[in-house]
Amino acid sequence: MEITIAQQAGVCILSIRGRVDSLTSDEMEAALDEQIRKGEVRLVAVSQVDYMSSSGLRSLLTALRHVRQQRGELSLAGLHSSLQQMLELAGFTNIFKIYPTTAEAVSAFERA
């Protein structure tokens, strides 16, 4: 798994590539937590993964809880269709704000 971090219009964008499973979910969670500890509360995770295990989903939920405690938000963008379907089946589409593109996710923060 590879994670890159960038800033755009005051939003922290974490681009995630590769598989997120029990071996890599802690790395994703640590990257999200590090940004939250730095004070980043407007986060977009751009997930270009085709597989995410339950431990990866747990890591996303943990990060969402932490950022919301800081009155922030974690949105998801650019999801692979298989991950989008899995999130729908798990009911996560009612929990996370999900956007087709990074630009749309960033724009939603600008409008808020």
N, C-alpha and C. Protein backbone atom coordinates (compact mmCIF):
# COMPACT_ATOMS: atom_id res chain seq x y z
N MET A 1 0.84 -1.18 0.00
CA MET A 1 0.00 0.00 0.00
C MET A 1 0.88 1.24 0.00
N GLU A 2 0.44 2.25 -0.69
CA GLU A 2 1.17 3.51 -0.77
C GLU A 2 0.21 4.65 -0.44
N ILE A 3 0.67 5.59 0.39
CA ILE A 3 -0.14 6.75 0.76
C ILE A 3 0.66 8.01 0.46
N THR A 4 0.05 8.91 -0.28
CA THR A 4 0.66 10.22 -0.51
C THR A 4 -0.28 11.28 0.07
N ILE A 5 0.32 12.36 0.55
CA ILE A 5 -0.45 13.41 1.21
C ILE A 5 -0.20 14.73 0.50
N ALA A 6 -1.27 15.45 0.23
CA ALA A 6 -1.17 16.75 -0.44
C ALA A 6 -2.20 17.69 0.18
N GLN A 7 -2.03 18.97 -0.09
CA GLN A 7 -2.96 20.00 0.36
C GLN A 7 -3.60 20.66 -0.86
N GLN A 8 -4.88 20.94 -0.76
CA GLN A 8 -5.56 21.67 -1.83
C GLN A 8 -6.67 22.50 -1.19
N ALA A 9 -6.58 23.80 -1.32
CA ALA A 9 -7.60 24.73 -0.82
C ALA A 9 -7.90 24.49 0.67
N GLY A 10 -6.86 24.24 1.46
CA GLY A 10 -7.04 24.05 2.89
C GLY A 10 -7.58 22.69 3.29
N VAL A 11 -7.57 21.76 2.35
CA VAL A 11 -8.05 20.40 2.61
C VAL A 11 -6.87 19.45 2.48
N CYS A 12 -6.73 18.54 3.43
CA CYS A 12 -5.67 17.53 3.39
C CYS A 12 -6.20 16.33 2.61
N ILE A 13 -5.46 15.97 1.56
CA ILE A 13 -5.87 14.87 0.69
C ILE A 13 -4.89 13.72 0.85
N LEU A 14 -5.40 12.58 1.26
CA LEU A 14 -4.60 11.37 1.39
C LEU A 14 -4.98 10.42 0.26
N SER A 15 -4.07 10.18 -0.64
CA SER A 15 -4.31 9.26 -1.75
C SER A 15 -3.77 7.89 -1.36
N ILE A 16 -4.64 6.91 -1.38
CA ILE A 16 -4.30 5.57 -0.93
C ILE A 16 -4.36 4.63 -2.12
N ARG A 17 -3.26 3.91 -2.37
CA ARG A 17 -3.18 2.95 -3.48
C ARG A 17 -2.76 1.59 -2.95
N GLY A 18 -3.30 0.57 -3.56
CA GLY A 18 -2.93 -0.79 -3.17
C GLY A 18 -4.03 -1.44 -2.36
N ARG A 19 -3.71 -2.56 -1.76
CA ARG A 19 -4.68 -3.30 -0.93
C ARG A 19 -4.62 -2.81 0.52
N VAL A 20 -5.79 -2.67 1.12
CA VAL A 20 -5.86 -2.34 2.54
C VAL A 20 -6.43 -3.58 3.23
N ASP A 21 -5.55 -4.27 3.94
CA ASP A 21 -5.94 -5.50 4.62
C ASP A 21 -5.39 -5.49 6.03
N SER A 22 -5.43 -6.62 6.70
CA SER A 22 -4.98 -6.68 8.09
C SER A 22 -3.49 -6.34 8.23
N LEU A 23 -2.72 -6.49 7.16
CA LEU A 23 -1.30 -6.17 7.21
C LEU A 23 -1.02 -4.68 6.99
N THR A 24 -1.92 -3.99 6.32
CA THR A 24 -1.65 -2.59 5.96
C THR A 24 -2.61 -1.58 6.58
N SER A 25 -3.69 -2.05 7.20
CA SER A 25 -4.69 -1.10 7.73
C SER A 25 -4.12 -0.23 8.84
N ASP A 26 -3.20 -0.77 9.64
CA ASP A 26 -2.60 0.04 10.71
C ASP A 26 -1.81 1.21 10.12
N GLU A 27 -1.16 0.99 8.99
CA GLU A 27 -0.41 2.06 8.31
C GLU A 27 -1.35 3.16 7.84
N MET A 28 -2.50 2.77 7.28
CA MET A 28 -3.47 3.76 6.83
C MET A 28 -4.03 4.54 8.02
N GLU A 29 -4.36 3.82 9.08
CA GLU A 29 -4.90 4.46 10.28
C GLU A 29 -3.89 5.44 10.88
N ALA A 30 -2.61 5.03 10.91
CA ALA A 30 -1.56 5.90 11.45
C ALA A 30 -1.41 7.17 10.61
N ALA A 31 -1.49 7.04 9.29
CA ALA A 31 -1.37 8.21 8.41
C ALA A 31 -2.53 9.18 8.64
N LEU A 32 -3.74 8.65 8.78
CA LEU A 32 -4.89 9.50 9.06
C LEU A 32 -4.77 10.16 10.43
N ASP A 33 -4.41 9.37 11.43
CA ASP A 33 -4.27 9.91 12.79
C ASP A 33 -3.19 10.98 12.87
N GLU A 34 -2.10 10.78 12.15
CA GLU A 34 -1.01 11.77 12.15
C GLU A 34 -1.51 13.13 11.64
N GLN A 35 -2.30 13.10 10.58
CA GLN A 35 -2.82 14.35 10.03
C GLN A 35 -3.79 15.01 11.00
N ILE A 36 -4.61 14.21 11.66
CA ILE A 36 -5.55 14.76 12.64
C ILE A 36 -4.80 15.37 13.82
N ARG A 37 -3.74 14.69 14.29
CA ARG A 37 -2.93 15.25 15.39
C ARG A 37 -2.25 16.55 14.99
N LYS A 38 -1.95 16.71 13.70
CA LYS A 38 -1.34 17.94 13.21
C LYS A 38 -2.36 19.08 13.09
N GLY A 39 -3.62 18.77 13.34
CA GLY A 39 -4.66 19.79 13.28
C GLY A 39 -5.44 19.80 11.98
N GLU A 40 -5.18 18.84 11.13
CA GLU A 40 -5.94 18.74 9.87
C GLU A 40 -7.31 18.15 10.20
N VAL A 41 -8.35 18.92 9.99
CA VAL A 41 -9.70 18.43 10.29
C VAL A 41 -10.60 18.44 9.06
N ARG A 42 -10.04 18.82 7.95
CA ARG A 42 -10.76 18.73 6.67
C ARG A 42 -9.97 17.75 5.81
N LEU A 43 -10.41 16.49 5.84
CA LEU A 43 -9.67 15.41 5.20
C LEU A 43 -10.47 14.75 4.09
N VAL A 44 -9.77 14.40 3.02
CA VAL A 44 -10.34 13.60 1.95
C VAL A 44 -9.43 12.41 1.74
N ALA A 45 -9.98 11.21 1.85
CA ALA A 45 -9.24 10.01 1.52
C ALA A 45 -9.64 9.58 0.12
N VAL A 46 -8.67 9.62 -0.78
CA VAL A 46 -8.91 9.20 -2.17
C VAL A 46 -8.44 7.76 -2.25
N SER A 47 -9.39 6.87 -2.27
CA SER A 47 -9.07 5.45 -2.15
C SER A 47 -9.08 4.80 -3.52
N GLN A 48 -7.90 4.54 -4.01
CA GLN A 48 -7.76 3.84 -5.28
C GLN A 48 -7.35 2.40 -5.01
N VAL A 49 -8.12 1.77 -4.14
CA VAL A 49 -7.89 0.37 -3.80
C VAL A 49 -9.09 -0.44 -4.28
N ASP A 50 -8.84 -1.67 -4.68
CA ASP A 50 -9.95 -2.51 -5.11
C ASP A 50 -10.36 -3.49 -4.02
N TYR A 51 -9.58 -3.51 -2.92
CA TYR A 51 -9.93 -4.40 -1.81
C TYR A 51 -9.62 -3.71 -0.49
N MET A 52 -10.59 -3.77 0.42
CA MET A 52 -10.37 -3.27 1.77
C MET A 52 -11.02 -4.26 2.73
N SER A 53 -10.23 -4.76 3.65
CA SER A 53 -10.74 -5.73 4.62
C SER A 53 -11.52 -5.02 5.72
N SER A 54 -12.11 -5.81 6.60
CA SER A 54 -12.85 -5.22 7.72
C SER A 54 -11.93 -4.39 8.62
N SER A 55 -10.66 -4.75 8.70
CA SER A 55 -9.74 -3.94 9.51
C SER A 55 -9.51 -2.58 8.85
N GLY A 56 -9.53 -2.51 7.55
CA GLY A 56 -9.42 -1.23 6.85
C GLY A 56 -10.65 -0.37 7.08
N LEU A 57 -11.82 -1.01 7.03
CA LEU A 57 -13.07 -0.28 7.31
C LEU A 57 -13.06 0.26 8.73
N ARG A 58 -12.59 -0.56 9.68
CA ARG A 58 -12.50 -0.12 11.07
C ARG A 58 -11.57 1.09 11.19
N SER A 59 -10.45 1.08 10.46
CA SER A 59 -9.51 2.19 10.50
C SER A 59 -10.15 3.48 9.99
N LEU A 60 -10.96 3.37 8.94
CA LEU A 60 -11.66 4.55 8.42
C LEU A 60 -12.65 5.08 9.46
N LEU A 61 -13.39 4.18 10.10
CA LEU A 61 -14.35 4.60 11.12
C LEU A 61 -13.66 5.25 12.32
N THR A 62 -12.53 4.70 12.71
CA THR A 62 -11.79 5.28 13.83
C THR A 62 -11.32 6.68 13.50
N ALA A 63 -10.79 6.87 12.29
CA ALA A 63 -10.33 8.19 11.87
C ALA A 63 -11.50 9.16 11.78
N LEU A 64 -12.64 8.69 11.28
CA LEU A 64 -13.82 9.56 11.19
C LEU A 64 -14.26 10.01 12.59
N ARG A 65 -14.27 9.09 13.53
CA ARG A 65 -14.65 9.44 14.90
C ARG A 65 -13.68 10.48 15.48
N HIS A 66 -12.38 10.27 15.27
CA HIS A 66 -11.39 11.21 15.81
C HIS A 66 -11.53 12.60 15.19
N VAL A 67 -11.71 12.66 13.88
CA VAL A 67 -11.79 13.97 13.23
C VAL A 67 -13.09 14.68 13.59
N ARG A 68 -14.16 13.93 13.77
CA ARG A 68 -15.42 14.57 14.18
C ARG A 68 -15.36 15.08 15.61
N GLN A 69 -14.57 14.44 16.47
CA GLN A 69 -14.36 14.95 17.82
C GLN A 69 -13.68 16.31 17.78
N GLN A 70 -12.95 16.59 16.72
CA GLN A 70 -12.28 17.87 16.53
C GLN A 70 -13.13 18.82 15.67
N ARG A 71 -14.40 18.46 15.48
CA ARG A 71 -15.35 19.23 14.67
C ARG A 71 -14.93 19.30 13.20
N GLY A 72 -14.34 18.22 12.73
CA GLY A 72 -13.92 18.14 11.34
C GLY A 72 -14.71 17.08 10.60
N GLU A 73 -14.20 16.75 9.41
CA GLU A 73 -14.88 15.77 8.57
C GLU A 73 -13.85 15.01 7.74
N LEU A 74 -14.13 13.73 7.52
CA LEU A 74 -13.36 12.88 6.63
C LEU A 74 -14.29 12.43 5.53
N SER A 75 -14.00 12.85 4.31
CA SER A 75 -14.79 12.43 3.15
C SER A 75 -13.99 11.43 2.34
N LEU A 76 -14.71 10.66 1.55
CA LEU A 76 -14.07 9.69 0.65
C LEU A 76 -14.33 10.11 -0.78
N ALA A 77 -13.36 9.85 -1.65
CA ALA A 77 -13.51 10.26 -3.05
C ALA A 77 -12.80 9.28 -3.97
N GLY A 78 -13.26 9.24 -5.21
CA GLY A 78 -12.60 8.46 -6.24
C GLY A 78 -12.52 6.97 -5.96
N LEU A 79 -13.58 6.42 -5.40
CA LEU A 79 -13.56 5.02 -4.99
C LEU A 79 -13.66 4.08 -6.17
N HIS A 80 -12.90 3.00 -6.11
CA HIS A 80 -13.02 1.91 -7.08
C HIS A 80 -14.43 1.34 -6.93
N SER A 81 -15.03 0.89 -8.01
CA SER A 81 -16.42 0.42 -7.96
C SER A 81 -16.62 -0.72 -6.97
N SER A 82 -15.66 -1.62 -6.84
CA SER A 82 -15.83 -2.73 -5.90
C SER A 82 -15.83 -2.24 -4.45
N LEU A 83 -15.01 -1.23 -4.15
CA LEU A 83 -15.00 -0.66 -2.80
C LEU A 83 -16.29 0.11 -2.54
N GLN A 84 -16.76 0.83 -3.53
CA GLN A 84 -18.03 1.56 -3.40
C GLN A 84 -19.16 0.58 -3.07
N GLN A 85 -19.21 -0.54 -3.77
CA GLN A 85 -20.24 -1.54 -3.52
C GLN A 85 -20.13 -2.11 -2.11
N MET A 86 -18.90 -2.38 -1.67
CA MET A 86 -18.70 -2.93 -0.33
C MET A 86 -19.17 -1.93 0.73
N LEU A 87 -18.86 -0.64 0.54
CA LEU A 87 -19.29 0.37 1.49
C LEU A 87 -20.82 0.48 1.53
N GLU A 88 -21.44 0.34 0.36
CA GLU A 88 -22.91 0.37 0.31
C GLU A 88 -23.50 -0.80 1.09
N LEU A 89 -22.95 -2.00 0.86
CA LEU A 89 -23.45 -3.20 1.56
C LEU A 89 -23.26 -3.11 3.06
N ALA A 90 -22.16 -2.50 3.49
CA ALA A 90 -21.87 -2.38 4.91
C ALA A 90 -22.61 -1.21 5.57
N GLY A 91 -23.30 -0.41 4.78
CA GLY A 91 -24.04 0.73 5.32
C GLY A 91 -23.18 1.96 5.58
N PHE A 92 -21.96 1.96 5.07
CA PHE A 92 -21.05 3.08 5.30
C PHE A 92 -21.40 4.31 4.48
N THR A 93 -22.20 4.13 3.44
CA THR A 93 -22.57 5.30 2.63
C THR A 93 -23.49 6.24 3.41
N ASN A 94 -24.05 5.75 4.51
CA ASN A 94 -24.86 6.61 5.39
C ASN A 94 -24.01 7.31 6.43
N ILE A 95 -22.76 6.89 6.57
CA ILE A 95 -21.86 7.42 7.59
C ILE A 95 -20.88 8.43 7.00
N PHE A 96 -20.31 8.08 5.84
CA PHE A 96 -19.30 8.91 5.19
C PHE A 96 -19.92 9.74 4.07
N LYS A 97 -19.36 10.90 3.86
CA LYS A 97 -19.69 11.68 2.66
C LYS A 97 -18.76 11.14 1.57
N ILE A 98 -19.36 10.70 0.45
CA ILE A 98 -18.61 10.07 -0.62
C ILE A 98 -18.85 10.86 -1.90
N TYR A 99 -17.74 11.19 -2.58
CA TYR A 99 -17.79 11.98 -3.81
C TYR A 99 -17.12 11.23 -4.95
N PRO A 100 -17.59 11.44 -6.16
CA PRO A 100 -16.98 10.76 -7.31
C PRO A 100 -15.52 11.18 -7.56
N THR A 101 -15.22 12.45 -7.28
CA THR A 101 -13.87 12.95 -7.56
C THR A 101 -13.33 13.74 -6.38
N THR A 102 -12.02 13.88 -6.36
CA THR A 102 -11.36 14.69 -5.34
C THR A 102 -11.81 16.14 -5.43
N ALA A 103 -11.92 16.64 -6.65
CA ALA A 103 -12.33 18.04 -6.85
C ALA A 103 -13.69 18.30 -6.23
N GLU A 104 -14.62 17.37 -6.38
CA GLU A 104 -15.95 17.55 -5.81
C GLU A 104 -15.91 17.51 -4.28
N ALA A 105 -15.07 16.65 -3.72
CA ALA A 105 -14.94 16.57 -2.26
C ALA A 105 -14.36 17.86 -1.71
N VAL A 106 -13.33 18.39 -2.36
CA VAL A 106 -12.71 19.64 -1.91
C VAL A 106 -13.70 20.78 -2.04
N SER A 107 -14.42 20.80 -3.14
CA SER A 107 -15.42 21.85 -3.36
C SER A 107 -16.50 21.82 -2.28
N ALA A 108 -16.89 20.65 -1.82
CA ALA A 108 -17.91 20.54 -0.78
C ALA A 108 -17.40 21.17 0.52
N PHE A 109 -16.12 21.03 0.82
CA PHE A 109 -15.55 21.67 2.01
C PHE A 109 -15.57 23.19 1.84
N GLU A 110 -15.30 23.67 0.65
CA GLU A 110 -15.28 25.11 0.40
C GLU A 110 -16.66 25.71 0.56
N ARG A 111 -17.71 24.95 0.24
CA ARG A 111 -19.09 25.45 0.36
C ARG A 111 -19.58 25.40 1.79
N ALA A 112 -18.97 24.56 2.61
CA ALA A 112 -19.45 24.37 4.00
C ALA A 112 -19.10 25.55 4.88
